[in-house]
């Protein structure tokens, strides 16, 4: 994922990843924990357990939280890759 500044990722309505956001309850106006200074974006790579997914249709949702309310620029990009049973793409 490429994000600026913080993200919360949900799979099938369950929170599974929180990056650069407070550990407390997240709300619409919650700010990210820190500012990302590398051109305003940072790549985050994670491996997700197959246990998060169901057979059939799955829903992935991501909240993006900025560090400040002074800017309205958002950066977000995501790629999802699946592995076969032998661990290859």
C-alpha atoms as a PDB file:
ATOM      1  CA  UNK A   1       0.000   0.000   0.000  1.00  0.00           C
ATOM      2  CA  UNK A   2       1.106   3.517  -0.660  1.00  0.00           C
ATOM      3  CA  UNK A   3      -0.377   5.845   1.910  1.00  0.00           C
ATOM      4  CA  UNK A   4      -0.255   9.301   3.463  1.00  0.00           C
ATOM      5  CA  UNK A   5      -0.351   9.523   6.459  1.00  0.00           C
ATOM      6  CA  UNK A   6      -2.133   6.752   8.404  1.00  0.00           C
ATOM      7  CA  UNK A   7      -4.409   3.856   7.482  1.00  0.00           C
ATOM      8  CA  UNK A   8      -6.834   1.410   9.026  1.00  0.00           C
ATOM      9  CA  UNK A   9      -7.627  -1.653   6.888  1.00  0.00           C
ATOM     10  CA  UNK A  10     -10.728  -3.786   7.287  1.00  0.00           C
ATOM     11  CA  UNK A  11     -11.542  -7.135   5.711  1.00  0.00           C
ATOM     12  CA  UNK A  12     -15.159  -8.258   5.892  1.00  0.00           C
ATOM     13  CA  UNK A  13     -15.940  -5.608   8.542  1.00  0.00           C
ATOM     14  CA  UNK A  14     -13.048  -6.679  10.828  1.00  0.00           C
ATOM     15  CA  UNK A  15     -10.102  -4.377  11.497  1.00  0.00           C
ATOM     16  CA  UNK A  16      -6.934  -6.236  10.520  1.00  0.00           C
ATOM     17  CA  UNK A  17      -4.257  -3.561  10.091  1.00  0.00           C
ATOM     18  CA  UNK A  18      -3.636  -0.213  11.689  1.00  0.00           C
ATOM     19  CA  UNK A  19      -0.583   1.766  10.599  1.00  0.00           C
ATOM     20  CA  UNK A  20       0.487   5.179  11.856  1.00  0.00           C
ATOM     21  CA  UNK A  21      -2.793   5.753  13.691  1.00  0.00           C
ATOM     22  CA  UNK A  22      -3.525   5.931  17.435  1.00  0.00           C
ATOM     23  CA  UNK A  23      -4.303   2.701  19.294  1.00  0.00           C
ATOM     24  CA  UNK A  24      -7.449   4.303  20.695  1.00  0.00           C
ATOM     25  CA  UNK A  25     -10.856   4.299  19.016  1.00  0.00           C
ATOM     26  CA  UNK A  26     -10.708   5.722  15.496  1.00  0.00           C
ATOM     27  CA  UNK A  27     -13.290   8.295  14.415  1.00  0.00           C
ATOM     28  CA  UNK A  28     -13.835  10.326  11.252  1.00  0.00           C
ATOM     29  CA  UNK A  29     -11.672  13.230  12.496  1.00  0.00           C
ATOM     30  CA  UNK A  30      -8.915  11.133  14.130  1.00  0.00           C
ATOM     31  CA  UNK A  31      -5.506  12.325  12.992  1.00  0.00           C
ATOM     32  CA  UNK A  32      -2.599  10.063  12.030  1.00  0.00           C
ATOM     33  CA  UNK A  33       0.083   9.531  14.670  1.00  0.00           C
ATOM     34  CA  UNK A  34       2.923  11.071  12.633  1.00  0.00           C
ATOM     35  CA  UNK A  35       3.509  12.976   9.425  1.00  0.00           C
ATOM     36  CA  UNK A  36       4.971  11.086   6.464  1.00  0.00           C
ATOM     37  CA  UNK A  37       7.714  13.278   5.042  1.00  0.00           C
ATOM     38  CA  UNK A  38       9.020  11.216   2.091  1.00  0.00           C
ATOM     39  CA  UNK A  39       7.323  13.173  -0.687  1.00  0.00           C
ATOM     40  CA  UNK A  40       4.088  12.879   1.274  1.00  0.00           C
ATOM     41  CA  UNK A  41       3.706   9.106   0.895  1.00  0.00           C
ATOM     42  CA  UNK A  42       5.157   5.875   2.206  1.00  0.00           C
ATOM     43  CA  UNK A  43       4.918   2.271   1.029  1.00  0.00           C
ATOM     44  CA  UNK A  44       3.620  -0.289   3.533  1.00  0.00           C
ATOM     45  CA  UNK A  45       3.758  -4.007   2.777  1.00  0.00           C
ATOM     46  CA  UNK A  46       1.934  -6.628   4.839  1.00  0.00           C
ATOM     47  CA  UNK A  47       1.175 -10.315   4.613  1.00  0.00           C
ATOM     48  CA  UNK A  48      -2.380 -11.207   5.549  1.00  0.00           C
ATOM     49  CA  UNK A  49      -3.507 -14.540   6.900  1.00  0.00           C
ATOM     50  CA  UNK A  50      -5.937 -16.458   4.678  1.00  0.00           C
ATOM     51  CA  UNK A  51      -8.080 -16.754   7.820  1.00  0.00           C
ATOM     52  CA  UNK A  52      -9.246 -13.154   7.232  1.00  0.00           C
ATOM     53  CA  UNK A  53     -10.927 -14.182   3.984  1.00  0.00           C
ATOM     54  CA  UNK A  54     -14.043 -16.204   3.266  1.00  0.00           C
ATOM     55  CA  UNK A  55     -14.770 -18.404   0.284  1.00  0.00           C
ATOM     56  CA  UNK A  56     -16.555 -16.249  -2.282  1.00  0.00           C
ATOM     57  CA  UNK A  57     -16.920 -12.470  -2.134  1.00  0.00           C
ATOM     58  CA  UNK A  58     -14.809 -10.495   0.352  1.00  0.00           C
ATOM     59  CA  UNK A  59     -14.867  -6.777   1.120  1.00  0.00           C
ATOM     60  CA  UNK A  60     -11.704  -4.753   1.754  1.00  0.00           C
ATOM     61  CA  UNK A  61     -12.116  -1.209   3.103  1.00  0.00           C
ATOM     62  CA  UNK A  62      -9.391   1.264   4.011  1.00  0.00           C
ATOM     63  CA  UNK A  63      -9.627   4.495   6.008  1.00  0.00           C
ATOM     64  CA  UNK A  64      -6.958   7.114   5.293  1.00  0.00           C
ATOM     65  CA  UNK A  65      -6.159   9.589   8.089  1.00  0.00           C
ATOM     66  CA  UNK A  66      -4.074  12.716   7.604  1.00  0.00           C
ATOM     67  CA  UNK A  67      -1.735  14.085  10.277  1.00  0.00           C
ATOM     68  CA  UNK A  68      -3.087  17.623  10.015  1.00  0.00           C
ATOM     69  CA  UNK A  69      -6.300  19.371   9.072  1.00  0.00           C
ATOM     70  CA  UNK A  70      -4.360  22.114   7.236  1.00  0.00           C
ATOM     71  CA  UNK A  71      -4.022  20.102   4.021  1.00  0.00           C
ATOM     72  CA  UNK A  72      -6.559  18.119   2.052  1.00  0.00           C
ATOM     73  CA  UNK A  73      -4.218  15.974  -0.028  1.00  0.00           C
ATOM     74  CA  UNK A  74      -4.633  12.225   0.271  1.00  0.00           C
ATOM     75  CA  UNK A  75      -2.363   9.577  -1.168  1.00  0.00           C
ATOM     76  CA  UNK A  76      -3.519   5.978  -1.324  1.00  0.00           C
ATOM     77  CA  UNK A  77      -2.781   3.077  -3.632  1.00  0.00           C
ATOM     78  CA  UNK A  78      -3.173  -0.630  -2.943  1.00  0.00           C
ATOM     79  CA  UNK A  79      -2.320  -3.872  -4.661  1.00  0.00           C
ATOM     80  CA  UNK A  80      -3.613  -7.255  -3.504  1.00  0.00           C
ATOM     81  CA  UNK A  81      -1.853 -10.445  -4.542  1.00  0.00           C
ATOM     82  CA  UNK A  82      -2.987 -13.949  -3.777  1.00  0.00           C
ATOM     83  CA  UNK A  83      -0.727 -16.926  -3.189  1.00  0.00           C
ATOM     84  CA  UNK A  84      -1.352 -20.396  -4.517  1.00  0.00           C
ATOM     85  CA  UNK A  85      -1.240 -23.433  -2.240  1.00  0.00           C
ATOM     86  CA  UNK A  86       2.499 -23.783  -2.825  1.00  0.00           C
ATOM     87  CA  UNK A  87       3.233 -20.176  -1.751  1.00  0.00           C
ATOM     88  CA  UNK A  88       3.834 -18.640  -5.183  1.00  0.00           C
ATOM     89  CA  UNK A  89       2.042 -15.804  -6.957  1.00  0.00           C
END
